[in-house]
Amino acid sequence: MKISEASRHTGLSISTIRYYEQSGLCPTISRGADGQRQFNAHDLDWLLLLSSLRETGMPTAAMQEFARLYRRGNATVPERKAMLIDHQARLKERQSQLDRCRDLLTKKLSRYDEIIGDQI
């Protein structure tokens, strides 16, 4: 599939996909006889992983390290797994922070409802 289709499938902009490729974040994308990128299912899975890592706050440098390890093959699976476990732990902590903030806002909004209700 062409880059426009990969963009639609992953939700990433074409420029982001190109950036990920140029910065070494994704494996080499094959090209057709016409020179255009040809994405396969594996490429799309990789782009979706990159998108998820970025969306959840993994720094680009860490993503590049993850990609570098991936290119070295299965011998690096323990290192890659450790990176994802660390990232998951950071996400759990961030989720706890967000839950506390949401609870505070819920209480504040409830109080405002009480005040507004008293005025009616």
N, C-alpha and C. Protein backbone atom coordinates (compact mmCIF):
# COMPACT_ATOMS: atom_id res chain seq x y z
N MET A 1 0.83 -1.18 0.00
CA MET A 1 0.00 0.00 0.00
C MET A 1 0.87 1.23 0.00
N LYS A 2 0.36 2.29 -0.56
CA LYS A 2 1.10 3.54 -0.68
C LYS A 2 1.05 4.33 0.63
N ILE A 3 1.85 5.36 0.71
CA ILE A 3 1.98 6.13 1.94
C ILE A 3 0.65 6.78 2.34
N SER A 4 -0.15 7.21 1.38
CA SER A 4 -1.43 7.83 1.70
C SER A 4 -2.36 6.82 2.38
N GLU A 5 -2.32 5.58 1.93
CA GLU A 5 -3.13 4.53 2.55
C GLU A 5 -2.59 4.20 3.94
N ALA A 6 -1.28 4.16 4.07
CA ALA A 6 -0.67 3.90 5.38
C ALA A 6 -1.04 5.02 6.34
N SER A 7 -1.08 6.23 5.86
CA SER A 7 -1.47 7.38 6.67
C SER A 7 -2.91 7.21 7.17
N ARG A 8 -3.81 6.86 6.27
CA ARG A 8 -5.21 6.65 6.67
C ARG A 8 -5.34 5.51 7.66
N HIS A 9 -4.60 4.44 7.43
CA HIS A 9 -4.71 3.26 8.29
C HIS A 9 -4.17 3.52 9.70
N THR A 10 -3.09 4.28 9.80
CA THR A 10 -2.44 4.49 11.10
C THR A 10 -2.89 5.76 11.81
N GLY A 11 -3.48 6.69 11.05
CA GLY A 11 -3.83 7.98 11.64
C GLY A 11 -2.66 8.94 11.72
N LEU A 12 -1.52 8.53 11.20
CA LEU A 12 -0.33 9.40 11.18
C LEU A 12 -0.34 10.22 9.90
N SER A 13 0.16 11.43 9.98
CA SER A 13 0.26 12.24 8.77
C SER A 13 1.36 11.67 7.88
N ILE A 14 1.28 11.99 6.63
CA ILE A 14 2.31 11.54 5.68
C ILE A 14 3.67 12.09 6.09
N SER A 15 3.69 13.34 6.53
CA SER A 15 4.98 13.93 6.93
C SER A 15 5.55 13.23 8.17
N THR A 16 4.69 12.80 9.08
CA THR A 16 5.17 12.06 10.26
C THR A 16 5.75 10.71 9.85
N ILE A 17 5.08 10.03 8.95
CA ILE A 17 5.59 8.74 8.47
C ILE A 17 6.95 8.94 7.81
N ARG A 18 7.07 9.96 6.99
CA ARG A 18 8.36 10.24 6.35
C ARG A 18 9.43 10.57 7.39
N TYR A 19 9.05 11.35 8.39
CA TYR A 19 10.00 11.70 9.46
C TYR A 19 10.45 10.43 10.19
N TYR A 20 9.50 9.56 10.53
CA TYR A 20 9.86 8.32 11.23
C TYR A 20 10.83 7.50 10.39
N GLU A 21 10.61 7.45 9.10
CA GLU A 21 11.51 6.68 8.23
C GLU A 21 12.88 7.35 8.14
N GLN A 22 12.90 8.65 7.92
CA GLN A 22 14.17 9.36 7.75
C GLN A 22 15.01 9.39 9.02
N SER A 23 14.34 9.37 10.17
CA SER A 23 15.07 9.44 11.43
C SER A 23 15.49 8.06 11.94
N GLY A 24 15.20 7.02 11.17
CA GLY A 24 15.62 5.68 11.55
C GLY A 24 14.71 5.01 12.56
N LEU A 25 13.52 5.55 12.74
CA LEU A 25 12.60 4.96 13.71
C LEU A 25 11.89 3.72 13.18
N CYS A 26 11.79 3.59 11.90
CA CYS A 26 11.14 2.39 11.37
C CYS A 26 12.08 1.69 10.40
N PRO A 27 11.87 0.41 10.26
CA PRO A 27 12.69 -0.34 9.31
C PRO A 27 12.55 0.24 7.92
N THR A 28 13.48 -0.08 7.06
CA THR A 28 13.45 0.40 5.69
C THR A 28 12.16 -0.04 5.01
N ILE A 29 11.47 0.92 4.43
CA ILE A 29 10.24 0.64 3.71
C ILE A 29 10.62 0.30 2.26
N SER A 30 10.09 -0.81 1.79
CA SER A 30 10.42 -1.19 0.41
C SER A 30 9.78 -0.20 -0.56
N ARG A 31 10.33 -0.16 -1.73
CA ARG A 31 9.83 0.74 -2.77
C ARG A 31 9.52 -0.06 -4.02
N GLY A 32 8.47 0.38 -4.69
CA GLY A 32 8.07 -0.26 -5.93
C GLY A 32 8.97 0.20 -7.07
N ALA A 33 8.72 -0.33 -8.25
CA ALA A 33 9.49 0.03 -9.44
C ALA A 33 9.38 1.52 -9.74
N ASP A 34 8.28 2.11 -9.31
CA ASP A 34 8.07 3.55 -9.53
C ASP A 34 8.75 4.42 -8.49
N GLY A 35 9.42 3.77 -7.51
CA GLY A 35 10.14 4.50 -6.47
C GLY A 35 9.30 4.89 -5.28
N GLN A 36 8.01 4.60 -5.34
CA GLN A 36 7.13 4.96 -4.22
C GLN A 36 7.18 3.89 -3.14
N ARG A 37 7.04 4.36 -1.90
CA ARG A 37 7.05 3.44 -0.77
C ARG A 37 5.90 2.44 -0.89
N GLN A 38 6.19 1.22 -0.48
CA GLN A 38 5.19 0.15 -0.48
C GLN A 38 5.13 -0.42 0.93
N PHE A 39 4.08 -0.08 1.65
CA PHE A 39 3.93 -0.51 3.04
C PHE A 39 3.22 -1.85 3.10
N ASN A 40 3.70 -2.71 4.00
CA ASN A 40 3.04 -4.00 4.23
C ASN A 40 2.47 -4.01 5.65
N ALA A 41 1.85 -5.10 6.03
CA ALA A 41 1.21 -5.19 7.35
C ALA A 41 2.22 -5.00 8.48
N HIS A 42 3.41 -5.54 8.31
CA HIS A 42 4.44 -5.39 9.34
C HIS A 42 4.82 -3.91 9.51
N ASP A 43 4.95 -3.21 8.40
CA ASP A 43 5.27 -1.77 8.46
C ASP A 43 4.18 -1.00 9.20
N LEU A 44 2.94 -1.33 8.90
CA LEU A 44 1.82 -0.66 9.57
C LEU A 44 1.82 -0.94 11.07
N ASP A 45 2.07 -2.18 11.44
CA ASP A 45 2.15 -2.52 12.87
C ASP A 45 3.24 -1.71 13.56
N TRP A 46 4.37 -1.58 12.89
CA TRP A 46 5.49 -0.83 13.46
C TRP A 46 5.12 0.65 13.62
N LEU A 47 4.47 1.21 12.59
CA LEU A 47 4.05 2.61 12.67
C LEU A 47 3.04 2.82 13.79
N LEU A 48 2.13 1.88 13.97
CA LEU A 48 1.15 1.98 15.06
C LEU A 48 1.84 1.92 16.42
N LEU A 49 2.86 1.07 16.55
CA LEU A 49 3.62 1.01 17.80
C LEU A 49 4.31 2.35 18.05
N LEU A 50 4.98 2.88 17.03
CA LEU A 50 5.66 4.17 17.18
C LEU A 50 4.67 5.26 17.58
N SER A 51 3.52 5.26 16.94
CA SER A 51 2.49 6.24 17.25
C SER A 51 2.05 6.14 18.71
N SER A 52 1.87 4.92 19.17
CA SER A 52 1.45 4.70 20.55
C SER A 52 2.53 5.13 21.53
N LEU A 53 3.77 4.78 21.24
CA LEU A 53 4.87 5.17 22.12
C LEU A 53 4.98 6.68 22.20
N ARG A 54 4.86 7.34 21.06
CA ARG A 54 4.97 8.80 21.04
C ARG A 54 3.79 9.45 21.76
N GLU A 55 2.60 8.93 21.49
CA GLU A 55 1.39 9.49 22.10
C GLU A 55 1.42 9.35 23.62
N THR A 56 2.08 8.33 24.10
CA THR A 56 2.16 8.12 25.55
C THR A 56 3.41 8.72 26.16
N GLY A 57 4.10 9.55 25.39
CA GLY A 57 5.17 10.35 25.96
C GLY A 57 6.57 9.79 25.91
N MET A 58 6.79 8.72 25.16
CA MET A 58 8.16 8.22 25.07
C MET A 58 8.98 9.23 24.26
N PRO A 59 10.12 9.65 24.78
CA PRO A 59 10.95 10.59 24.04
C PRO A 59 11.47 9.98 22.73
N THR A 60 11.69 10.83 21.75
CA THR A 60 12.18 10.37 20.45
C THR A 60 13.49 9.61 20.60
N ALA A 61 14.37 10.08 21.46
CA ALA A 61 15.66 9.39 21.65
C ALA A 61 15.45 7.96 22.13
N ALA A 62 14.50 7.75 23.02
CA ALA A 62 14.22 6.40 23.50
C ALA A 62 13.60 5.55 22.39
N MET A 63 12.75 6.17 21.59
CA MET A 63 12.17 5.45 20.46
C MET A 63 13.26 5.05 19.46
N GLN A 64 14.23 5.93 19.25
CA GLN A 64 15.33 5.60 18.35
C GLN A 64 16.17 4.46 18.90
N GLU A 65 16.39 4.46 20.20
CA GLU A 65 17.13 3.36 20.83
C GLU A 65 16.37 2.05 20.66
N PHE A 66 15.07 2.09 20.88
CA PHE A 66 14.22 0.91 20.71
C PHE A 66 14.34 0.38 19.27
N ALA A 67 14.27 1.28 18.29
CA ALA A 67 14.38 0.90 16.88
C ALA A 67 15.77 0.33 16.59
N ARG A 68 16.79 0.94 17.17
CA ARG A 68 18.16 0.44 16.96
C ARG A 68 18.28 -0.99 17.49
N LEU A 69 17.73 -1.22 18.67
CA LEU A 69 17.76 -2.57 19.24
C LEU A 69 16.98 -3.55 18.37
N TYR A 70 15.84 -3.11 17.87
CA TYR A 70 15.03 -3.97 17.01
C TYR A 70 15.82 -4.42 15.78
N ARG A 71 16.54 -3.49 15.19
CA ARG A 71 17.32 -3.83 13.99
C ARG A 71 18.42 -4.85 14.29
N ARG A 72 18.84 -4.95 15.54
CA ARG A 72 19.88 -5.92 15.91
C ARG A 72 19.30 -7.32 16.08
N GLY A 73 17.98 -7.47 16.07
CA GLY A 73 17.37 -8.80 16.08
C GLY A 73 16.90 -9.28 17.45
N ASN A 74 16.54 -10.56 17.47
CA ASN A 74 15.93 -11.16 18.65
C ASN A 74 16.84 -11.20 19.88
N ALA A 75 18.13 -11.08 19.67
CA ALA A 75 19.04 -11.07 20.82
C ALA A 75 18.77 -9.88 21.74
N THR A 76 18.11 -8.86 21.21
CA THR A 76 17.84 -7.65 22.01
C THR A 76 16.44 -7.63 22.61
N VAL A 77 15.69 -8.71 22.45
CA VAL A 77 14.33 -8.75 23.00
C VAL A 77 14.32 -8.44 24.50
N PRO A 78 15.23 -8.99 25.31
CA PRO A 78 15.20 -8.64 26.74
C PRO A 78 15.37 -7.13 26.99
N GLU A 79 16.24 -6.48 26.23
CA GLU A 79 16.43 -5.03 26.39
C GLU A 79 15.19 -4.26 25.96
N ARG A 80 14.61 -4.67 24.85
CA ARG A 80 13.40 -3.99 24.37
C ARG A 80 12.25 -4.20 25.35
N LYS A 81 12.15 -5.41 25.88
CA LYS A 81 11.09 -5.69 26.85
C LYS A 81 11.28 -4.82 28.08
N ALA A 82 12.50 -4.68 28.54
CA ALA A 82 12.78 -3.84 29.72
C ALA A 82 12.39 -2.38 29.44
N MET A 83 12.67 -1.91 28.23
CA MET A 83 12.29 -0.54 27.88
C MET A 83 10.78 -0.37 27.94
N LEU A 84 10.04 -1.35 27.42
CA LEU A 84 8.59 -1.25 27.43
C LEU A 84 8.02 -1.39 28.84
N ILE A 85 8.64 -2.22 29.66
CA ILE A 85 8.20 -2.35 31.06
C ILE A 85 8.40 -1.03 31.79
N ASP A 86 9.55 -0.39 31.58
CA ASP A 86 9.81 0.92 32.20
C ASP A 86 8.79 1.96 31.72
N HIS A 87 8.52 1.94 30.43
CA HIS A 87 7.55 2.90 29.89
C HIS A 87 6.16 2.64 30.47
N GLN A 88 5.81 1.38 30.58
CA GLN A 88 4.51 1.02 31.16
C GLN A 88 4.41 1.50 32.61
N ALA A 89 5.49 1.38 33.36
CA ALA A 89 5.49 1.85 34.76
C ALA A 89 5.28 3.36 34.81
N ARG A 90 5.93 4.10 33.90
CA ARG A 90 5.72 5.55 33.84
C ARG A 90 4.28 5.88 33.49
N LEU A 91 3.69 5.10 32.59
CA LEU A 91 2.29 5.32 32.22
C LEU A 91 1.35 5.06 33.40
N LYS A 92 1.64 4.02 34.18
CA LYS A 92 0.81 3.73 35.35
C LYS A 92 0.89 4.88 36.35
N GLU A 93 2.06 5.41 36.56
CA GLU A 93 2.22 6.55 37.49
C GLU A 93 1.48 7.76 36.95
N ARG A 94 1.61 8.01 35.67
CA ARG A 94 0.91 9.15 35.07
C ARG A 94 -0.60 8.97 35.17
N GLN A 95 -1.07 7.74 34.96
CA GLN A 95 -2.50 7.47 35.08
C GLN A 95 -2.98 7.74 36.50
N SER A 96 -2.18 7.37 37.49
CA SER A 96 -2.54 7.66 38.89
C SER A 96 -2.64 9.16 39.12
N GLN A 97 -1.69 9.91 38.56
CA GLN A 97 -1.74 11.37 38.68
C GLN A 97 -3.00 11.93 38.03
N LEU A 98 -3.32 11.44 36.85
CA LEU A 98 -4.51 11.91 36.15
C LEU A 98 -5.78 11.54 36.91
N ASP A 99 -5.80 10.35 37.49
CA ASP A 99 -6.97 9.94 38.29
C ASP A 99 -7.17 10.86 39.48
N ARG A 100 -6.08 11.23 40.15
CA ARG A 100 -6.19 12.15 41.29
C ARG A 100 -6.72 13.51 40.84
N CYS A 101 -6.22 14.00 39.72
CA CYS A 101 -6.68 15.28 39.18
C CYS A 101 -8.16 15.21 38.80
N ARG A 102 -8.57 14.13 38.16
CA ARG A 102 -9.97 13.96 37.78
C ARG A 102 -10.86 13.95 39.01
N ASP A 103 -10.44 13.25 40.06
CA ASP A 103 -11.23 13.20 41.29
C ASP A 103 -11.38 14.58 41.91
N LEU A 104 -10.31 15.36 41.91
CA LEU A 104 -10.36 16.71 42.44
C LEU A 104 -11.32 17.58 41.63
N LEU A 105 -11.24 17.48 40.32
CA LEU A 105 -12.14 18.25 39.47
C LEU A 105 -13.60 17.83 39.67
N THR A 106 -13.83 16.55 39.82
CA THR A 106 -15.19 16.05 40.06
C THR A 106 -15.75 16.64 41.35
N LYS A 107 -14.93 16.68 42.40
CA LYS A 107 -15.37 17.26 43.67
C LYS A 107 -15.66 18.76 43.51
N LYS A 108 -14.79 19.44 42.80
CA LYS A 108 -14.97 20.88 42.60
C LYS A 108 -16.24 21.15 41.80
N LEU A 109 -16.47 20.38 40.75
CA LEU A 109 -17.68 20.56 39.95
C LEU A 109 -18.93 20.24 40.76
N SER A 110 -18.86 19.24 41.61
CA SER A 110 -19.98 18.91 42.48
C SER A 110 -20.28 20.06 43.42
N ARG A 111 -19.24 20.66 43.96
CA ARG A 111 -19.42 21.82 44.86
C ARG A 111 -20.06 22.98 44.11
N TYR A 112 -19.61 23.21 42.88
CA TYR A 112 -20.21 24.28 42.07
C TYR A 112 -21.69 24.00 41.82
N ASP A 113 -22.02 22.72 41.55
CA ASP A 113 -23.43 22.36 41.36
C ASP A 113 -24.24 22.67 42.61
N GLU A 114 -23.66 22.41 43.78
CA GLU A 114 -24.35 22.72 45.05
C GLU A 114 -24.58 24.23 45.17
N ILE A 115 -23.57 25.01 44.86
CA ILE A 115 -23.68 26.47 44.97
C ILE A 115 -24.73 27.00 44.00
N ILE A 116 -24.66 26.52 42.76
CA ILE A 116 -25.63 26.98 41.75
C ILE A 116 -27.03 26.53 42.14
N GLY A 117 -27.15 25.32 42.68
CA GLY A 117 -28.45 24.82 43.11
C GLY A 117 -29.03 25.64 44.25
N ASP A 118 -28.17 26.13 45.15
CA ASP A 118 -28.63 26.95 46.27
C ASP A 118 -29.15 28.30 45.79
N GLN A 119 -28.70 28.75 44.64
CA GLN A 119 -29.09 30.06 44.13
C GLN A 119 -30.39 30.03 43.35
N ILE A 120 -30.85 28.85 43.03
CA ILE A 120 -32.09 28.74 42.22
C ILE A 120 -33.31 28.80 43.08
